[in-house]
Amino acid sequence: MGTNYYAKIEEETFRIHLGKNSSGWRFTIREQRDYYRDAQSLFDFVLRPDVTVENEYGEEITPNYFIGMIIRESREGKMPRGKQVYSINGFFFKGIEFC
């Protein structure tokens, strides 16, 4: 079982899929090249004042908690696999939509 995380930008009506945290697996970041290209630019993106982070249940979480979770959950667990999975500096990204 896992939890998906999304970003909402003020004045926008859509959510941006940021990634998924699954028990026993490393955090998988959803590639979103219009907003970020690596983990550091993702961290910068979620720290913007016009961006909020929420889980799939609509519960808002702080950007610092989200960043810490990605760092913690990228160190241990099974490595993500499948189509278009790649690693940048130890963080795993997936280039296609997943749930």
Protein backbone atom coordinates (compact mmCIF):
# COMPACT_ATOMS: atom_id res chain seq x y z
CA MET A 1 0.00 0.00 0.00
CA GLY A 2 1.25 3.48 -0.75
CA THR A 3 0.36 7.14 -0.71
CA ASN A 4 0.52 9.55 -3.64
CA TYR A 5 1.50 13.18 -3.15
CA TYR A 6 0.42 16.19 -5.19
CA ALA A 7 1.21 19.88 -5.51
CA LYS A 8 -1.39 22.59 -5.93
CA ILE A 9 -0.41 25.96 -7.30
CA GLU A 10 -2.47 28.99 -6.28
CA GLU A 11 -4.83 30.15 -9.00
CA GLU A 12 -4.66 26.73 -10.76
CA THR A 13 -7.48 24.18 -10.81
CA PHE A 14 -5.35 21.06 -11.27
CA ARG A 15 -2.96 19.05 -9.11
CA ILE A 16 0.55 17.97 -10.10
CA HIS A 17 1.49 14.40 -9.20
CA LEU A 18 4.77 14.61 -7.26
CA GLY A 19 5.31 10.95 -6.47
CA LYS A 20 4.48 7.97 -4.31
CA ASN A 21 5.68 6.55 -1.02
CA SER A 22 5.08 2.79 -0.72
CA SER A 23 5.94 0.59 2.24
CA GLY A 24 9.14 -1.35 1.60
CA TRP A 25 10.03 0.65 -1.52
CA ARG A 26 12.07 3.77 -2.10
CA PHE A 27 10.14 6.97 -2.77
CA THR A 28 9.42 7.35 -6.48
CA ILE A 29 9.25 10.90 -7.82
CA ARG A 30 6.96 11.52 -10.79
CA GLU A 31 8.82 13.28 -13.57
CA GLN A 32 7.30 16.73 -14.20
CA ARG A 33 9.76 18.53 -16.47
CA ASP A 34 7.59 21.64 -16.68
CA TYR A 35 8.11 22.16 -12.93
CA TYR A 36 11.32 20.37 -11.88
CA ARG A 37 14.12 18.23 -13.37
CA ASP A 38 15.84 16.69 -10.34
CA ALA A 39 15.34 16.33 -6.59
CA GLN A 40 16.81 19.74 -5.73
CA SER A 41 14.54 21.57 -8.18
CA LEU A 42 11.57 19.54 -6.81
CA PHE A 43 12.48 20.71 -3.30
CA ASP A 44 12.73 24.30 -4.53
CA PHE A 45 9.36 23.92 -6.30
CA VAL A 46 7.45 22.70 -3.20
CA LEU A 47 9.02 25.48 -1.09
CA ARG A 48 7.53 28.18 -3.32
CA PRO A 49 4.98 30.30 -1.43
CA ASP A 50 2.29 29.68 -4.07
CA VAL A 51 2.58 25.85 -3.84
CA THR A 52 0.95 23.54 -1.29
CA VAL A 53 1.62 19.81 -0.94
CA GLU A 54 -1.12 17.33 -0.13
CA ASN A 55 -1.55 13.59 -0.03
CA GLU A 56 -4.09 11.67 -2.10
CA TYR A 57 -6.67 12.13 0.67
CA GLY A 58 -6.48 15.93 0.41
CA GLU A 59 -4.56 16.36 3.66
CA GLU A 60 -2.05 19.20 3.45
CA ILE A 61 1.50 18.48 4.61
CA THR A 62 4.34 20.91 5.09
CA PRO A 63 6.99 21.18 2.39
CA ASN A 64 9.72 20.41 4.95
CA TYR A 65 7.97 17.20 6.01
CA PHE A 66 7.58 16.18 2.35
CA ILE A 67 11.24 16.88 1.57
CA GLY A 68 12.40 14.99 4.67
CA MET A 69 10.21 12.03 3.74
CA ILE A 70 11.71 11.86 0.24
CA ILE A 71 15.24 11.99 1.62
CA ARG A 72 14.53 9.31 4.27
CA GLU A 73 12.57 7.02 1.95
CA SER A 74 15.16 7.25 -0.84
CA ARG A 75 17.86 5.57 1.25
CA GLU A 76 16.33 2.18 2.09
CA GLY A 77 13.92 -0.28 0.56
CA LYS A 78 13.47 -1.94 -2.77
CA MET A 79 14.42 0.06 -5.81
CA PRO A 80 11.55 1.06 -8.08
CA ARG A 81 11.39 -0.79 -11.36
CA GLY A 82 9.42 -0.74 -14.54
CA LYS A 83 9.23 1.38 -17.61
CA GLN A 84 10.93 4.74 -17.60
CA VAL A 85 12.38 4.47 -14.08
CA TYR A 86 15.72 6.21 -13.67
CA SER A 87 17.91 7.58 -10.89
CA ILE A 88 19.45 11.04 -10.50
CA ASN A 89 21.86 11.40 -7.56
CA GLY A 90 20.21 8.53 -5.66
CA PHE A 91 16.61 9.72 -6.12
CA PHE A 92 14.29 7.63 -8.30
CA PHE A 93 12.07 9.15 -10.97
CA LYS A 94 9.40 7.67 -13.18
CA GLY A 95 8.80 9.26 -16.56
CA ILE A 96 5.22 8.04 -17.02
CA GLU A 97 2.10 8.39 -14.91
CA PHE A 98 1.60 5.76 -12.21
CA CYS A 99 -0.74 5.29 -9.28
